Amino acid sequence: MIRIRIQEEVLDYLRSLPPQPRHALKLAIKKLSEEQGNIKSLTDDLEGFHRLRVGSYRVIFEYSLIDGERVITCVYAGARKWIYEVFQNKVME
């Protein structure tokens, strides 16, 4: 099982959502610990990151190894229509 870390920015986004999508995203993030869900590796400027698809929402995360333990860190979340552009701009800063 992989440990899940969620950055504060993702938690803030989840808190801003209506109950139904918030619940769906929380469940999907929990299942990431078993690498379940609609997961895809990102390419080009976002290489090294992965996305979790949950309906029209996306969670961007990365894998790491901390003290010999595999960890997934959820770094960004948002609506599909804008998340990649906004996150790419953030990464390029």
C-alpha atoms as a PDB file:
ATOM      1  CA  MET A   1       0.000   0.000   0.000  1.00  0.00           C
ATOM      2  CA  ILE A   2       1.271   3.463  -0.893  1.00  0.00           C
ATOM      3  CA  ARG A   3       1.021   6.371   1.545  1.00  0.00           C
ATOM      4  CA  ILE A   4      -0.975   9.366   0.275  1.00  0.00           C
ATOM      5  CA  ARG A   5      -0.024  12.980   0.994  1.00  0.00           C
ATOM      6  CA  ILE A   6      -2.354  15.803   0.005  1.00  0.00           C
ATOM      7  CA  GLN A   7      -1.043  19.336  -0.298  1.00  0.00           C
ATOM      8  CA  GLU A   8      -3.048  22.138   1.310  1.00  0.00           C
ATOM      9  CA  GLU A   9      -3.954  23.624  -2.087  1.00  0.00           C
ATOM     10  CA  VAL A  10      -5.747  20.380  -3.016  1.00  0.00           C
ATOM     11  CA  LEU A  11      -7.553  20.272   0.342  1.00  0.00           C
ATOM     12  CA  ASP A  12      -8.699  23.879  -0.146  1.00  0.00           C
ATOM     13  CA  TYR A  13     -10.029  23.003  -3.594  1.00  0.00           C
ATOM     14  CA  LEU A  14     -11.899  19.971  -2.230  1.00  0.00           C
ATOM     15  CA  ARG A  15     -13.482  22.120   0.489  1.00  0.00           C
ATOM     16  CA  SER A  16     -14.762  24.537  -2.167  1.00  0.00           C
ATOM     17  CA  LEU A  17     -16.695  21.830  -4.061  1.00  0.00           C
ATOM     18  CA  PRO A  18     -20.328  20.785  -3.624  1.00  0.00           C
ATOM     19  CA  PRO A  19     -20.813  17.582  -1.565  1.00  0.00           C
ATOM     20  CA  GLN A  20     -21.185  15.070  -4.412  1.00  0.00           C
ATOM     21  CA  PRO A  21     -17.996  15.828  -6.388  1.00  0.00           C
ATOM     22  CA  ARG A  22     -16.066  16.392  -3.136  1.00  0.00           C
ATOM     23  CA  HIS A  23     -17.048  12.910  -1.939  1.00  0.00           C
ATOM     24  CA  ALA A  24     -16.199  11.311  -5.302  1.00  0.00           C
ATOM     25  CA  LEU A  25     -12.754  12.952  -5.347  1.00  0.00           C
ATOM     26  CA  LYS A  26     -11.993  11.937  -1.753  1.00  0.00           C
ATOM     27  CA  LEU A  27     -12.877   8.305  -2.504  1.00  0.00           C
ATOM     28  CA  ALA A  28     -10.789   8.305  -5.671  1.00  0.00           C
ATOM     29  CA  ILE A  29      -7.793   9.778  -3.820  1.00  0.00           C
ATOM     30  CA  LYS A  30      -8.078   7.077  -1.139  1.00  0.00           C
ATOM     31  CA  LYS A  31      -8.038   4.389  -3.849  1.00  0.00           C
ATOM     32  CA  LEU A  32      -4.773   5.845  -5.160  1.00  0.00           C
ATOM     33  CA  SER A  33      -3.044   4.088  -2.252  1.00  0.00           C
ATOM     34  CA  GLU A  34      -3.730   0.862  -4.152  1.00  0.00           C
ATOM     35  CA  GLU A  35      -3.050   2.533  -7.512  1.00  0.00           C
ATOM     36  CA  GLN A  36      -6.681   2.142  -8.521  1.00  0.00           C
ATOM     37  CA  GLY A  37      -8.573   4.585 -10.691  1.00  0.00           C
ATOM     38  CA  ASN A  38      -8.260   6.203 -14.075  1.00  0.00           C
ATOM     39  CA  ILE A  39      -4.546   7.072 -13.854  1.00  0.00           C
ATOM     40  CA  LYS A  40      -2.407   8.341 -16.693  1.00  0.00           C
ATOM     41  CA  SER A  41       1.179   9.600 -16.902  1.00  0.00           C
ATOM     42  CA  LEU A  42       1.528  13.155 -18.164  1.00  0.00           C
ATOM     43  CA  THR A  43       3.964  14.058 -20.929  1.00  0.00           C
ATOM     44  CA  ASP A  44       6.034  16.934 -22.300  1.00  0.00           C
ATOM     45  CA  ASP A  45       6.443  19.779 -19.780  1.00  0.00           C
ATOM     46  CA  LEU A  46       4.502  17.814 -17.150  1.00  0.00           C
ATOM     47  CA  GLU A  47       6.553  14.638 -17.428  1.00  0.00           C
ATOM     48  CA  GLY A  48       7.023  13.020 -14.023  1.00  0.00           C
ATOM     49  CA  PHE A  49       3.496  13.907 -12.957  1.00  0.00           C
ATOM     50  CA  HIS A  50       0.383  11.760 -13.283  1.00  0.00           C
ATOM     51  CA  ARG A  51      -3.295  12.522 -13.337  1.00  0.00           C
ATOM     52  CA  LEU A  52      -6.276  10.858 -11.734  1.00  0.00           C
ATOM     53  CA  ARG A  53      -9.516  11.333 -13.651  1.00  0.00           C
ATOM     54  CA  VAL A  54     -12.709  11.601 -11.597  1.00  0.00           C
ATOM     55  CA  GLY A  55     -15.553  12.615 -13.913  1.00  0.00           C
ATOM     56  CA  SER A  56     -14.812  16.141 -15.145  1.00  0.00           C
ATOM     57  CA  TYR A  57     -12.233  16.700 -12.398  1.00  0.00           C
ATOM     58  CA  ARG A  58      -8.539  15.864 -12.345  1.00  0.00           C
ATOM     59  CA  VAL A  59      -6.046  15.397  -9.543  1.00  0.00           C
ATOM     60  CA  ILE A  60      -2.388  15.807 -10.477  1.00  0.00           C
ATOM     61  CA  PHE A  61       0.044  13.820  -8.376  1.00  0.00           C
ATOM     62  CA  GLU A  62       3.599  12.517  -8.289  1.00  0.00           C
ATOM     63  CA  TYR A  63       5.287   9.422  -6.934  1.00  0.00           C
ATOM     64  CA  SER A  64       8.280   9.634  -4.607  1.00  0.00           C
ATOM     65  CA  LEU A  65      10.289   7.514  -2.231  1.00  0.00           C
ATOM     66  CA  ILE A  66      10.564   8.866   1.326  1.00  0.00           C
ATOM     67  CA  ASP A  67      12.590   6.873   3.854  1.00  0.00           C
ATOM     68  CA  GLY A  68      12.182   3.781   1.687  1.00  0.00           C
ATOM     69  CA  GLU A  69       8.397   4.153   1.535  1.00  0.00           C
ATOM     70  CA  ARG A  70       6.484   4.803  -1.682  1.00  0.00           C
ATOM     71  CA  VAL A  71       4.464   8.006  -1.423  1.00  0.00           C
ATOM     72  CA  ILE A  72       1.922   9.644  -3.714  1.00  0.00           C
ATOM     73  CA  THR A  73       1.666  13.402  -3.267  1.00  0.00           C
ATOM     74  CA  CYS A  74      -1.453  15.067  -4.657  1.00  0.00           C
ATOM     75  CA  VAL A  75      -0.204  18.468  -5.777  1.00  0.00           C
ATOM     76  CA  TYR A  76      -3.077  20.032  -7.725  1.00  0.00           C
ATOM     77  CA  ALA A  77      -6.767  19.482  -8.421  1.00  0.00           C
ATOM     78  CA  GLY A  78      -9.327  21.151 -10.615  1.00  0.00           C
ATOM     79  CA  ALA A  79     -11.757  20.979 -13.489  1.00  0.00           C
ATOM     80  CA  ARG A  80     -10.489  19.255 -16.623  1.00  0.00           C
ATOM     81  CA  LYS A  81     -11.151  22.253 -18.860  1.00  0.00           C
ATOM     82  CA  TRP A  82      -8.390  24.368 -17.287  1.00  0.00           C
ATOM     83  CA  ILE A  83      -6.249  22.313 -14.914  1.00  0.00           C
ATOM     84  CA  TYR A  84      -3.433  21.351 -17.287  1.00  0.00           C
ATOM     85  CA  GLU A  85      -2.804  24.890 -18.534  1.00  0.00           C
ATOM     86  CA  VAL A  86      -2.895  26.396 -15.041  1.00  0.00           C
ATOM     87  CA  PHE A  87      -0.715  23.671 -13.540  1.00  0.00           C
ATOM     88  CA  GLN A  88       1.801  23.890 -16.385  1.00  0.00           C
ATOM     89  CA  ASN A  89       2.106  27.651 -15.814  1.00  0.00           C
ATOM     90  CA  LYS A  90       2.639  26.996 -12.112  1.00  0.00           C
ATOM     91  CA  VAL A  91       5.351  24.394 -12.788  1.00  0.00           C
ATOM     92  CA  MET A  92       7.155  26.708 -15.220  1.00  0.00           C
ATOM     93  CA  GLU A  93       7.419  29.522 -12.633  1.00  0.00           C
END
